[in-house]
Structures are given as structure tokens and as C-alpha cells.
Amino acid sequence: MKIIIAGAGEVGTHLAKMLSNEYHDLMVVEPDADRIKNLSTITDAPCIEGSPSSFQVLSEAGIQKADLFIAVTPSEETNILSASLAKRLGAKKVIARIDKNEYLLPANKEIFMDMGIDYLYYPEKIAGREVVDLLSQSFSTEFVDFANKKLLLIVFKLEESSPIINKTLLQAAGQRMELNYRAVAISRNGETIIPTPTDRFKVGDIVYVIANEAGAPDLVKFTGKTPIEVRNVMILGGSRIGTWIARDLENKLGVKMIEISKERCLKLVDDLPNTLVLRGDGRNSDFLIEEGLEHMDAFIAVTGNSETNILACMLAKRLGVKKTIAEIENIDYIKLAESVGVDTVINKKLITAGRIFRFTMSTDVQSIKVLAGSDAEVLEFIVKPSSPAVRGAVRSINFPKDATIGGLVRGDLSIIVTGDTQIQPYDRIVVFALPSAINKIGKYFN
């Protein structure tokens, strides 16, 4: 597939890094020479210095033969213009990153379709939605739903009090004939493994579990944590993510928002009538304590500074806040944040890259999620008739060992997959895969 990425910022660079490991004809267009230089230290993807909204630059990049054009520059206007031009100049499919929710309204989306833009992505809204979902699953560090929540991927860290410490997967599952959940991966000391039935759980393991609706409530007992009911939330940072979260929560929970900018505070007061907006510096621990941080059930740090978010979450943890969530834009800081006790990390680059990455796969992928605390990915397929997956029980189809089929949805049924499961045409399949398996698994379902 010939792919052109417009923009070598954080999202574009991460996408280029992901795609350079695949078998694609890749080209990056970027007007900033320093960003091109930085990209060259990370990946061998070829670059053209120039504006992605230039006819000449797009032609030089080979837009006439492009299968996919991805506009992810920091400028929303540049993304929209370059994506529209790319489609008119021959690109088969075009994607643009945007920064305004109004563009996603049904009536407005039709306008962008008329301009030739196939898909719009608003990373801050997607990230905000993830945070709200996580608050409903307070014991989980990451949460992904499939097929309208018929299947869930729930991620949690094992505490010393967990009853499954030092038990194998078989022992943890017990004697149940019908599974409602199953561990599909363990992240331990920075390494992600697909566990075997004899692998044992250890303190500090980050466990990835596929569950159906019946199984999700039971999982909390395995974490070693006490379930909490979130009633009061403090949000640090009146960013687009923070605003979206507050708007969604303010009529259901008690919400306080801390923002350092006076001008931004005045706007937030008008936009969020049921949120208590306070002006202050999130780096000032005394201020946060004075505003009742220790009485919060959850603390969400979404300023534009990763270090501030991590330190504020550490303070919240020390004061007894049960659930902390931090926006970390520097990928190198993700494992640091997890190691110092931050419960959940969100990263817009990974969120956006995961949503876009599925369009680059040669097989038909319904959705793909790039996980923040792991190098693995979760993919959703619809099984085609006569595909290899329907030719026998799962244990007999020779599925790659660096991936595992977690569950499937068949009509109104959600089923946790075992070796004896027989997959049927049109099942919706959820697969957990390490990077080495990504190019191998699609053929089983297509």
C-alpha cells in the first residue's frame, strides 16, 4: 500500500514509526526541516520538505498513486485543505485530524464528505471518552469495549492482596465449564507475554483480560483492590480533553476544574455551568490540598505538561485518592508514570495512531486499539465465510503463538474463546496480538 503522511509532529512520527515496520511504500511530507531531522533518527521513512497543501509537493510525493493520505499536522486548516486536495489529485482514501467537535456533527460531516474527506479524527474527544469509560470501571487501568460492550478488554494491576498471586491461569479459572473472562496477556517488567495455562501471576503484573458482560463485575476481586464509587472528581487542566470530560460528567458527578490561565477560566465558567472552575497552579501542592484534593474519589490531570500531570497524580495518591488518570504525551514517560503509582495513562498519539492504523492493514479490520502500557494491540475482525478460522476448533487452526483469540460476539451472544471453540462465519472476533503477529493474523479471518 502506498501511504503518504502529512506532518511529522508527534502523531505523524509515531505513525511513520509503526508503518515503517510494515510492507508499505511510505512517504512523509513536512515543511519543518528540524522535524524531518528528528524523524530520520527514529525511522528510515523517506521525507519531502514542503507544505502538504502544495500541488507540486503532493505530486512529488506521488499523490496520484496513493492508496491512503493521512493529514496529521498541528494545523487543522492545513489538514482539511491538504486532505481535500489529495483526494482530488488521486488519493483513494484520505483522513484528516481535526480540533473541533462541531465538525463531527452529522450535518457537517456531509460537507467534508463532499470535499472528498473520508474520515475525520478528533483525538481529544476520543481521549476524553476513554477517561469517562475508565471512571465507570474504577479498578481498571485501561478499558476497551467491542460490539456495543458485549465484549470488554479490562486491564488491571495486581496488588499484594490479590487472591490469584502465585496461581496459574488454570488455577485462577477454577473448575468453571463456561468462561466469562480470560487473561489474554501479562505485562511484566516492561515485557508483554501471551500466557500459557501454567504461567503464574505475580505482584505488580499488569493483566489484560477479555470479559463478557456477565464476567466483568467478578474481575474486581482478582485485583486486590476495593471497588470505589466515583462521586467527586477533580480535573487539573482546562484543555480540550479536560473540557470534554467535565462537560460529560458535570450533570452526574461533583466536578472541580483547576486551570492556571485567567482568560481560559473565564471561558470555562461560561461553557461549564455545573462545574466549579478554580484558577490556580497545579504544581502548587498546597493549593490542591486547600481545594480538597484528599476528598476526591478520582483525580484527572490533563494539562499540556506530562511532568506536571505525573507529579500531581503522585500527590493525589499520597493523599489517598483511589483513582488517578494522567495525560502523558511523551511516550518515554508512560512506564515511568505507571512505576510511580499513576493508575491510568492516556496518550493522544497512541489513540489517534491506533484508529488510523487499521486503514493501513491489507485485511479487513473493524477496529484496532494501541495499548498505552504495552507494545501489543487489540484488533477486531468479522470472520468471512470460508476463511481458515472456520475450518475447525481454535486449537486446530495453527493460530500464531504471539497472538491469542480472546472472545467473539455471535448475534446477542458473547463468548470467551477456548481451544475447543468453533468459530463461525460472521462472528466478531477480538484478538490480542504482539507486533510480530500483526501481519500474520488477518489471513485467518478474511
Protein backbone atom coordinates (compact mmCIF):
# COMPACT_ATOMS: atom_id res chain seq x y z
CA MET A 1 0.00 0.00 0.00
CA LYS A 2 1.28 3.48 -0.89
CA ILE A 3 0.78 5.78 2.10
CA ILE A 4 1.55 9.48 2.44
CA ILE A 5 1.64 11.08 5.90
CA ALA A 6 1.29 14.86 6.05
CA GLY A 7 3.01 16.11 9.18
CA ALA A 8 5.99 14.81 11.14
CA GLY A 9 4.75 16.02 14.52
CA GLU A 10 4.09 13.66 17.40
CA VAL A 11 1.24 11.74 15.74
CA GLY A 12 2.83 11.66 12.29
CA THR A 13 6.17 10.49 13.68
CA HIS A 14 4.54 7.73 15.71
CA LEU A 15 2.54 6.58 12.68
CA ALA A 16 5.66 6.62 10.49
CA LYS A 17 7.47 4.52 13.08
CA MET A 18 4.63 1.99 13.16
CA LEU A 19 4.23 1.80 9.40
CA SER A 20 7.93 1.64 8.60
CA ASN A 21 7.92 -1.82 10.14
CA GLU A 22 5.24 -2.94 7.69
CA TYR A 23 5.47 -3.66 3.98
CA HIS A 24 4.28 -0.29 2.71
CA ASP A 25 5.51 2.32 0.24
CA LEU A 26 5.66 5.17 2.76
CA MET A 27 6.32 8.90 2.29
CA VAL A 28 6.22 11.74 4.84
CA VAL A 29 5.60 15.38 3.88
CA GLU A 30 6.75 18.02 6.40
CA PRO A 31 7.65 21.74 5.95
CA ASP A 32 9.88 21.93 9.06
CA ALA A 33 13.48 20.78 8.45
CA ASP A 34 14.10 20.19 12.17
CA ARG A 35 11.16 17.79 12.39
CA ILE A 36 12.42 15.90 9.35
CA LYS A 37 15.82 15.61 11.01
CA ASN A 38 14.20 14.29 14.18
CA LEU A 39 12.13 11.79 12.20
CA SER A 40 15.25 10.47 10.46
CA THR A 41 16.71 9.48 13.85
CA ILE A 42 13.65 7.34 14.59
CA THR A 43 12.74 5.73 11.27
CA ASP A 44 14.04 5.28 7.73
CA ALA A 45 10.80 6.57 6.19
CA PRO A 46 11.59 8.90 3.23
CA CYS A 47 10.61 12.56 3.63
CA ILE A 48 9.88 15.54 1.42
CA GLU A 49 10.40 19.02 2.84
CA GLY A 50 7.47 21.17 1.84
CA SER A 51 3.85 22.09 2.51
CA PRO A 52 1.31 19.25 2.22
CA SER A 53 -1.14 21.74 0.72
CA SER A 54 1.20 22.41 -2.24
CA PHE A 55 0.20 20.86 -5.58
CA GLN A 56 3.85 20.47 -6.52
CA VAL A 57 4.83 18.81 -3.23
CA LEU A 58 1.88 16.42 -3.31
CA SER A 59 2.71 15.48 -6.89
CA GLU A 60 6.34 14.88 -5.96
CA ALA A 61 5.18 12.63 -3.10
CA GLY A 62 3.24 10.52 -5.61
CA ILE A 63 -0.28 11.52 -4.61
CA GLN A 64 -1.71 10.25 -7.93
CA LYS A 65 -0.98 6.66 -6.90
CA ALA A 66 -1.59 6.96 -3.16
CA ASP A 67 -3.86 4.40 -1.52
CA LEU A 68 -4.05 6.38 1.70
CA PHE A 69 -3.33 10.01 2.63
CA ILE A 70 -3.15 10.85 6.34
CA ALA A 71 -3.15 14.54 7.36
CA VAL A 72 -1.98 14.90 10.97
CA THR A 73 -0.17 18.25 11.05
CA PRO A 74 -0.71 20.52 14.10
CA SER A 75 -2.87 22.80 11.90
CA GLU A 76 -6.49 21.77 11.47
CA GLU A 77 -6.87 24.03 8.43
CA THR A 78 -3.81 22.50 6.73
CA ASN A 79 -5.15 19.00 7.39
CA ILE A 80 -8.54 19.74 5.87
CA LEU A 81 -7.13 21.55 2.83
CA SER A 82 -4.39 19.03 2.10
CA ALA A 83 -6.74 16.06 2.53
CA SER A 84 -9.28 17.58 0.14
CA LEU A 85 -6.55 18.33 -2.42
CA ALA A 86 -5.11 14.84 -2.03
CA LYS A 87 -8.47 13.25 -2.89
CA ARG A 88 -8.94 15.47 -5.93
CA LEU A 89 -5.42 14.63 -7.11
CA GLY A 90 -5.96 10.89 -7.00
CA ALA A 91 -5.60 9.50 -3.45
CA LYS A 92 -8.04 6.63 -2.93
CA LYS A 93 -8.74 7.31 0.76
CA VAL A 94 -7.95 10.40 2.87
CA ILE A 95 -8.02 11.01 6.63
CA ALA A 96 -7.75 14.35 8.47
CA ARG A 97 -7.12 15.15 12.11
CA ILE A 98 -9.35 17.96 13.45
CA ASP A 99 -9.63 20.02 16.65
CA LYS A 100 -13.33 20.99 16.68
CA ASN A 101 -16.22 18.82 17.79
CA GLU A 102 -18.69 20.72 15.59
CA TYR A 103 -17.08 19.18 12.51
CA LEU A 104 -18.29 15.75 13.67
CA LEU A 105 -21.97 16.70 13.74
CA PRO A 106 -23.87 14.62 11.14
CA ALA A 107 -24.87 17.60 9.00
CA ASN A 108 -21.32 18.97 8.94
CA LYS A 109 -19.71 15.60 8.24
CA GLU A 110 -21.63 15.51 4.95
CA ILE A 111 -19.89 18.73 3.93
CA PHE A 112 -16.48 17.15 4.49
CA MET A 113 -17.54 14.08 2.51
CA ASP A 114 -18.43 16.40 -0.37
CA MET A 115 -14.89 17.80 -0.06
CA GLY A 116 -13.57 14.27 -0.54
CA ILE A 117 -12.50 13.61 3.05
CA ASP A 118 -13.34 10.05 4.07
CA TYR A 119 -12.63 10.17 7.80
CA LEU A 120 -12.19 12.84 10.49
CA TYR A 121 -10.46 12.23 13.82
CA TYR A 122 -10.68 14.42 16.92
CA PRO A 123 -8.08 12.91 19.33
CA GLU A 124 -9.11 14.97 22.36
CA LYS A 125 -12.70 13.76 22.15
CA ILE A 126 -11.61 10.13 21.80
CA ALA A 127 -9.27 10.52 24.78
CA GLY A 128 -11.98 12.21 26.85
CA ARG A 129 -14.39 9.40 26.10
CA GLU A 130 -11.81 6.86 27.27
CA VAL A 131 -11.41 8.69 30.58
CA VAL A 132 -15.17 8.72 31.19
CA ASP A 133 -15.37 4.98 30.45
CA LEU A 134 -12.50 4.33 32.85
CA LEU A 135 -14.30 6.12 35.68
CA SER A 136 -17.16 3.64 35.30
CA GLN A 137 -14.62 0.80 35.72
CA SER A 138 -12.73 2.31 38.64
CA PHE A 139 -10.47 -0.73 39.27
CA SER A 140 -9.24 -0.88 35.67
CA THR A 141 -6.18 0.91 34.29
CA GLU A 142 -7.40 0.60 30.71
CA PHE A 143 -10.77 -0.28 29.24
CA VAL A 144 -11.87 -1.08 25.68
CA ASP A 145 -15.30 -2.24 24.60
CA PHE A 146 -16.29 -4.15 21.47
CA ALA A 147 -19.64 -4.75 19.75
CA ASN A 148 -21.55 -2.27 21.91
CA LYS A 149 -19.92 -3.51 25.14
CA LYS A 150 -20.81 -7.18 24.58
CA LEU A 151 -17.10 -7.89 24.98
CA LEU A 152 -14.68 -5.88 27.12
CA LEU A 153 -10.91 -5.69 27.39
CA ILE A 154 -10.17 -4.82 31.01
CA VAL A 155 -6.64 -4.10 32.22
CA PHE A 156 -5.62 -4.08 35.88
CA LYS A 157 -2.51 -4.18 38.04
CA LEU A 158 -2.23 -6.97 40.62
CA GLU A 159 -1.78 -5.86 44.23
CA GLU A 160 -0.26 -8.00 47.00
CA SER A 161 -3.75 -8.67 48.33
CA SER A 162 -4.92 -10.25 45.07
CA PRO A 163 -6.13 -13.85 45.60
CA ILE A 164 -4.56 -15.04 42.33
CA ILE A 165 -0.94 -14.15 43.19
CA ASN A 166 1.31 -17.20 42.51
CA LYS A 167 -1.60 -19.08 40.92
CA THR A 168 -1.55 -20.38 37.36
CA LEU A 169 -4.16 -19.39 34.77
CA LEU A 170 -5.80 -22.79 35.21
CA GLN A 171 -5.98 -22.39 38.98
CA ALA A 172 -7.35 -18.86 38.67
CA ALA A 173 -10.05 -20.04 36.25
CA GLY A 174 -11.16 -22.79 38.67
CA GLN A 175 -13.47 -25.55 37.51
CA ARG A 176 -15.92 -23.40 35.56
CA MET A 177 -17.22 -25.12 32.43
CA GLU A 178 -18.23 -21.83 30.80
CA LEU A 179 -15.79 -18.92 30.98
CA ASN A 180 -16.99 -15.35 31.41
CA TYR A 181 -13.45 -13.93 31.29
CA ARG A 182 -9.93 -14.99 30.40
CA ALA A 183 -6.47 -13.47 30.77
CA VAL A 184 -5.01 -12.96 27.30
CA ALA A 185 -1.73 -11.23 28.20
CA ILE A 186 0.53 -10.17 31.06
CA SER A 187 2.88 -7.18 31.07
CA ARG A 188 5.78 -7.82 33.45
CA ASN A 189 8.97 -5.76 33.83
CA GLY A 190 8.30 -3.97 30.54
CA GLU A 191 7.74 -7.18 28.57
CA THR A 192 4.36 -8.33 27.26
CA ILE A 193 3.77 -12.08 27.15
CA ILE A 194 0.94 -14.28 25.91
CA PRO A 195 0.48 -16.56 28.93
CA THR A 196 0.29 -20.34 28.87
CA PRO A 197 -2.03 -22.28 31.23
CA THR A 198 0.91 -22.91 33.58
CA ASP A 199 2.18 -19.32 33.84
CA ARG A 200 1.76 -17.85 37.32
CA PHE A 201 0.56 -14.37 38.27
CA LYS A 202 2.95 -12.13 40.23
CA VAL A 203 2.62 -8.95 42.28
CA GLY A 204 2.79 -5.90 40.01
CA ASP A 205 1.72 -7.78 36.88
CA ILE A 206 -0.46 -5.78 34.52
CA VAL A 207 -3.08 -8.28 33.38
CA TYR A 208 -5.14 -7.97 30.19
CA VAL A 209 -8.48 -9.75 30.41
CA ILE A 210 -11.22 -10.31 27.86
CA ALA A 211 -14.62 -10.49 29.56
CA ASN A 212 -18.25 -10.63 28.57
CA GLU A 213 -20.97 -8.63 30.31
CA ALA A 214 -21.54 -11.34 32.92
CA GLY A 215 -17.85 -11.64 33.78
CA ALA A 216 -16.85 -8.01 34.21
CA PRO A 217 -18.28 -7.49 37.73
CA ASP A 218 -16.37 -10.53 39.06
CA LEU A 219 -12.96 -9.29 37.96
CA VAL A 220 -12.54 -6.71 40.68
CA LYS A 221 -11.99 -9.43 43.31
CA PHE A 222 -8.84 -10.57 41.47
CA THR A 223 -7.16 -7.17 41.50
CA GLY A 224 -6.72 -6.96 45.25
CA LYS A 225 -8.39 -3.55 45.19
CA THR A 226 -11.56 -2.38 46.88
CA PRO A 227 -14.28 -1.21 44.46
CA ILE A 228 -14.92 2.51 44.67
CA GLU A 229 -17.90 4.60 43.70
CA VAL A 230 -16.80 7.80 41.98
CA ARG A 231 -18.86 10.75 43.15
CA ASN A 232 -16.39 13.65 43.24
CA VAL A 233 -13.76 14.37 40.59
CA MET A 234 -11.02 16.98 40.31
CA ILE A 235 -9.71 17.77 36.83
CA LEU A 236 -6.37 19.55 36.51
CA GLY A 237 -6.18 21.45 33.23
CA GLY A 238 -8.89 23.21 31.24
CA SER A 239 -7.61 21.73 27.97
CA ARG A 240 -9.88 20.41 25.23
CA ILE A 241 -9.70 16.97 26.85
CA GLY A 242 -10.45 18.39 30.30
CA THR A 243 -13.37 20.42 28.98
CA TRP A 244 -14.87 17.43 27.17
CA ILE A 245 -14.59 15.28 30.32
CA ALA A 246 -16.12 17.95 32.55
CA ARG A 247 -19.00 18.55 30.14
CA ASP A 248 -19.80 14.84 30.13
CA LEU A 249 -19.58 14.44 33.92
CA GLU A 250 -20.83 17.71 35.42
CA ASN A 251 -24.52 16.71 35.50
CA LYS A 252 -23.75 13.31 37.06
CA LEU A 253 -20.89 13.93 39.49
CA GLY A 254 -19.37 16.71 41.56
CA VAL A 255 -16.67 18.21 39.34
CA LYS A 256 -13.91 20.70 40.20
CA MET A 257 -11.59 22.01 37.49
CA ILE A 258 -8.24 23.72 38.12
CA GLU A 259 -6.88 25.98 35.36
CA ILE A 260 -3.91 28.38 35.54
CA SER A 261 -4.97 30.81 32.76
CA LYS A 262 -7.34 33.61 33.79
CA GLU A 263 -8.72 34.00 30.26
CA ARG A 264 -9.30 30.27 29.93
CA CYS A 265 -11.04 30.18 33.33
CA LEU A 266 -13.50 32.88 32.25
CA LYS A 267 -14.40 30.88 29.14
CA LEU A 268 -14.72 27.63 31.11
CA VAL A 269 -17.13 29.26 33.58
CA ASP A 270 -19.45 30.04 30.66
CA ASP A 271 -19.01 26.65 28.96
CA LEU A 272 -19.36 24.50 32.09
CA PRO A 273 -22.24 25.87 34.21
CA ASN A 274 -22.27 22.91 36.65
CA THR A 275 -18.51 22.65 37.13
CA LEU A 276 -16.67 24.57 39.85
CA VAL A 277 -13.83 26.26 37.93
CA LEU A 278 -10.90 27.46 40.04
CA ARG A 279 -7.87 29.44 38.95
CA GLY A 280 -4.64 28.00 40.27
CA ASP A 281 -1.32 26.30 39.55
CA GLY A 282 -1.45 22.50 39.54
CA ARG A 283 2.22 22.41 40.55
CA ASN A 284 1.33 24.05 43.86
CA SER A 285 0.56 21.15 46.21
CA ASP A 286 -0.70 23.46 48.98
CA PHE A 287 -3.29 24.93 46.61
CA LEU A 288 -4.55 21.48 45.57
CA ILE A 289 -4.79 20.39 49.20
CA GLU A 290 -6.67 23.58 50.13
CA GLU A 291 -9.19 22.85 47.36
CA GLY A 292 -9.96 19.43 48.82
CA LEU A 293 -7.87 17.05 46.71
CA GLU A 294 -7.78 14.46 49.51
CA HIS A 295 -11.60 14.26 49.50
CA MET A 296 -11.82 13.39 45.81
CA ASP A 297 -12.68 9.90 44.55
CA ALA A 298 -10.79 10.48 41.29
CA PHE A 299 -8.15 12.91 40.04
CA ILE A 300 -7.59 13.55 36.33
CA ALA A 301 -4.51 15.51 35.21
CA VAL A 302 -4.75 16.71 31.61
CA THR A 303 -2.54 19.80 31.42
CA GLY A 304 -0.23 20.12 28.43
CA ASN A 305 2.76 19.19 30.61
CA SER A 306 3.42 15.48 31.23
CA GLU A 307 5.69 16.12 34.22
CA THR A 308 3.04 18.26 35.94
CA ASN A 309 0.43 15.57 35.35
CA ILE A 310 2.63 12.82 36.81
CA LEU A 311 3.65 14.82 39.90
CA ALA A 312 0.07 15.93 40.58
CA CYS A 313 -1.16 12.33 40.36
CA MET A 314 1.61 11.22 42.75
CA LEU A 315 0.42 13.85 45.25
CA ALA A 316 -3.19 12.70 44.83
CA LYS A 317 -2.15 9.10 45.51
CA ARG A 318 -0.25 10.10 48.66
CA LEU A 319 -3.38 11.91 49.89
CA GLY A 320 -5.48 8.77 49.40
CA VAL A 321 -7.25 9.45 46.10
CA LYS A 322 -8.26 6.00 44.83
CA LYS A 323 -8.23 6.66 41.07
CA THR A 324 -5.67 8.81 39.23
CA ILE A 325 -5.50 9.39 35.48
CA ALA A 326 -2.74 11.32 33.71
CA GLU A 327 -2.38 12.51 30.14
CA ILE A 328 1.19 11.66 29.11
CA GLU A 329 2.22 12.90 25.66
CA ASN A 330 5.85 11.83 25.93
CA ILE A 331 5.74 8.08 25.25
CA ASP A 332 9.04 7.64 27.12
CA TYR A 333 7.29 8.75 30.31
CA ILE A 334 4.48 6.17 30.19
CA LYS A 335 6.32 3.40 32.03
CA LEU A 336 7.71 5.97 34.49
CA ALA A 337 4.18 7.15 35.29
CA GLU A 338 3.00 3.59 35.87
CA SER A 339 6.01 2.79 38.06
CA VAL A 340 5.33 5.70 40.44
CA GLY A 341 1.72 4.71 41.00
CA VAL A 342 -0.34 6.57 38.38
CA ASP A 343 -3.33 4.28 37.84
CA THR A 344 -4.05 5.08 34.21
CA VAL A 345 -2.17 6.81 31.42
CA ILE A 346 -3.79 8.23 28.29
CA ASN A 347 -1.83 9.28 25.23
CA LYS A 348 -3.41 11.04 22.26
CA LYS A 349 -0.70 9.86 19.87
CA LEU A 350 -1.41 6.22 20.60
CA ILE A 351 -5.16 6.76 20.47
CA THR A 352 -5.03 8.51 17.10
CA ALA A 353 -2.41 6.16 15.65
CA GLY A 354 -4.47 3.13 16.61
CA ARG A 355 -7.62 4.50 14.97
CA ILE A 356 -5.75 5.30 11.77
CA PHE A 357 -3.53 2.20 11.70
CA ARG A 358 -6.41 -0.12 10.83
CA PHE A 359 -6.79 1.59 7.46
CA THR A 360 -3.25 0.57 6.57
CA MET A 361 -3.78 -3.16 7.02
CA SER A 362 -4.23 -5.38 3.99
CA THR A 363 -7.00 -7.33 5.74
CA ASP A 364 -10.41 -6.07 6.83
CA VAL A 365 -10.08 -4.86 10.44
CA GLN A 366 -13.16 -3.44 12.17
CA SER A 367 -11.18 -1.70 14.91
CA ILE A 368 -7.71 -1.62 16.43
CA LYS A 369 -6.53 -0.33 19.78
CA VAL A 370 -2.90 0.50 20.53
CA LEU A 371 -2.43 -0.04 24.27
CA ALA A 372 -0.58 2.57 26.34
CA GLY A 373 1.15 0.24 28.80
CA SER A 374 2.12 -2.45 26.32
CA ASP A 375 3.62 -2.89 22.88
CA ALA A 376 0.67 -5.11 21.94
CA GLU A 377 -2.50 -4.26 20.04
CA VAL A 378 -6.11 -5.42 20.19
CA LEU A 379 -7.89 -5.99 16.88
CA GLU A 380 -11.48 -6.76 15.95
CA PHE A 381 -12.36 -8.76 12.83
CA ILE A 382 -15.57 -10.01 11.24
CA VAL A 383 -15.00 -13.60 10.11
CA LYS A 384 -15.55 -14.17 6.40
CA PRO A 385 -17.16 -17.38 5.11
CA SER A 386 -14.61 -20.00 4.00
CA SER A 387 -11.81 -18.28 5.95
CA PRO A 388 -9.27 -20.58 7.70
CA ALA A 389 -10.74 -19.78 11.12
CA VAL A 390 -13.99 -21.67 10.40
CA ARG A 391 -12.32 -24.93 9.37
CA GLY A 392 -12.08 -26.43 12.83
CA ALA A 393 -11.75 -25.78 16.55
CA VAL A 394 -9.41 -22.93 17.51
CA ARG A 395 -6.72 -25.33 18.75
CA SER A 396 -6.55 -26.90 15.25
CA ILE A 397 -6.18 -23.78 13.05
CA ASN A 398 -2.49 -23.22 13.85
CA PHE A 399 -3.02 -19.68 15.17
CA PRO A 400 0.25 -17.75 15.82
CA LYS A 401 1.66 -18.19 19.33
CA ASP A 402 2.39 -14.45 19.59
CA ALA A 403 -1.34 -13.71 19.43
CA THR A 404 -4.47 -15.07 21.07
CA ILE A 405 -8.19 -15.00 20.28
CA GLY A 406 -9.87 -13.63 23.39
CA GLY A 407 -13.56 -13.66 22.60
CA LEU A 408 -16.27 -13.44 19.98
CA VAL A 409 -19.72 -11.97 19.54
CA ARG A 410 -22.33 -14.02 17.67
CA GLY A 411 -25.66 -12.25 17.42
CA ASP A 412 -26.65 -11.47 21.01
CA LEU A 413 -24.16 -13.97 22.45
CA SER A 414 -20.72 -13.01 23.76
CA ILE A 415 -18.39 -15.99 24.12
CA ILE A 416 -14.95 -16.27 25.74
CA VAL A 417 -12.88 -18.34 23.31
CA THR A 418 -11.03 -21.52 24.34
CA GLY A 419 -9.18 -24.13 22.30
CA ASP A 420 -12.44 -26.07 21.81
CA THR A 421 -14.39 -23.10 20.43
CA GLN A 422 -15.63 -23.45 16.85
CA ILE A 423 -15.63 -20.07 15.09
CA GLN A 424 -18.47 -19.44 12.63
CA PRO A 425 -18.84 -17.11 9.63
CA TYR A 426 -19.72 -13.50 10.56
CA ASP A 427 -18.59 -13.87 14.19
CA ARG A 428 -16.98 -10.70 15.51
CA ILE A 429 -13.57 -11.78 16.80
CA VAL A 430 -11.36 -9.91 19.31
CA VAL A 431 -7.64 -10.73 19.04
CA PHE A 432 -4.75 -9.66 21.30
CA ALA A 433 -1.53 -9.56 19.29
CA LEU A 434 2.14 -8.72 19.77
CA PRO A 435 3.75 -6.63 16.97
CA SER A 436 5.35 -9.73 15.43
CA ALA A 437 1.88 -11.20 14.81
CA ILE A 438 0.07 -8.23 13.28
CA ASN A 439 0.78 -9.19 9.65
CA LYS A 440 0.02 -12.88 10.24
CA ILE A 441 -3.39 -12.93 11.87
CA GLY A 442 -5.62 -11.20 9.32
CA LYS A 443 -5.50 -14.11 6.86
CA TYR A 444 -7.24 -16.38 9.37
CA PHE A 445 -10.46 -14.34 9.25
CA ASN A 446 -10.51 -12.95 5.69
